[in-house]
Amino acid sequence: MAVPKRKTSKARRDKRRSSVWKLDVPAFSKCTQCGELKLPHRVCSECGFYKGQQVLIKNEA
């Protein structure tokens, strides 16, 4: 069975346990038409605009 040759230092152990590798919260940007928060490089789900052009027709029901 493999056994560690030396004790792992506190710095090495804590670096491994740190939250460096965890995922970040996705960035949001404001829609230029309606001002709603949306993911960048995506069509706005509220108004259907992307880069100043309407690409989806939203039904106001």
Protein backbone atom coordinates (compact mmCIF):
# COMPACT_ATOMS: atom_id res chain seq x y z
CA MET A 1 0.00 0.00 0.00
CA ALA A 2 1.27 3.49 -0.84
CA VAL A 3 2.18 5.56 2.20
CA PRO A 4 3.23 9.25 2.12
CA LYS A 5 6.97 9.62 2.69
CA ARG A 6 6.65 13.04 4.39
CA LYS A 7 3.97 14.97 6.21
CA THR A 8 2.03 17.34 3.94
CA SER A 9 2.69 20.93 5.03
CA LYS A 10 -0.15 23.18 6.14
CA ALA A 11 0.47 25.53 3.20
CA ARG A 12 0.32 22.70 0.66
CA ARG A 13 -2.78 21.22 2.28
CA ASP A 14 -4.56 24.59 2.46
CA LYS A 15 -3.67 25.43 -1.16
CA ARG A 16 -5.33 22.22 -2.23
CA ARG A 17 -8.42 22.93 -0.14
CA SER A 18 -8.72 26.56 -1.26
CA SER A 19 -11.59 27.75 -3.39
CA VAL A 20 -9.36 28.68 -6.34
CA TRP A 21 -10.73 25.88 -8.50
CA LYS A 22 -14.42 26.60 -7.87
CA LEU A 23 -16.64 28.03 -10.59
CA ASP A 24 -17.35 31.76 -10.79
CA VAL A 25 -20.78 33.32 -10.92
CA PRO A 26 -21.73 34.04 -14.55
CA ALA A 27 -21.36 37.66 -15.65
CA PHE A 28 -24.47 39.62 -16.58
CA SER A 29 -24.90 42.56 -18.92
CA LYS A 30 -27.78 44.97 -19.45
CA CYS A 31 -29.93 44.72 -22.54
CA THR A 32 -29.54 47.83 -24.69
CA GLN A 33 -33.25 47.89 -25.52
CA CYS A 34 -35.15 47.07 -22.31
CA GLY A 35 -32.42 47.26 -19.65
CA GLU A 36 -33.02 43.76 -18.28
CA LEU A 37 -30.07 41.68 -17.08
CA LYS A 38 -29.04 38.97 -19.53
CA LEU A 39 -26.07 36.71 -20.21
CA PRO A 40 -23.54 38.29 -22.58
CA HIS A 41 -23.61 37.19 -26.25
CA ARG A 42 -27.17 35.85 -25.84
CA VAL A 43 -30.56 37.04 -27.09
CA CYS A 44 -32.50 38.98 -24.45
CA SER A 45 -35.28 36.74 -23.15
CA GLU A 46 -37.50 39.73 -22.35
CA CYS A 47 -37.54 41.69 -25.61
CA GLY A 48 -35.87 39.35 -28.15
CA PHE A 49 -33.14 41.80 -29.23
CA TYR A 50 -29.48 40.94 -29.93
CA LYS A 51 -26.88 43.57 -30.90
CA GLY A 52 -29.61 46.15 -31.52
CA GLN A 53 -31.61 43.95 -33.89
CA GLN A 54 -34.81 42.08 -33.14
CA VAL A 55 -34.21 38.38 -33.73
CA LEU A 56 -37.12 36.91 -31.75
CA ILE A 57 -40.71 38.08 -31.83
CA LYS A 58 -42.13 38.13 -28.31
CA ASN A 59 -45.92 37.85 -27.91
CA GLU A 60 -47.35 40.26 -25.35
CA ALA A 61 -50.16 38.06 -24.01
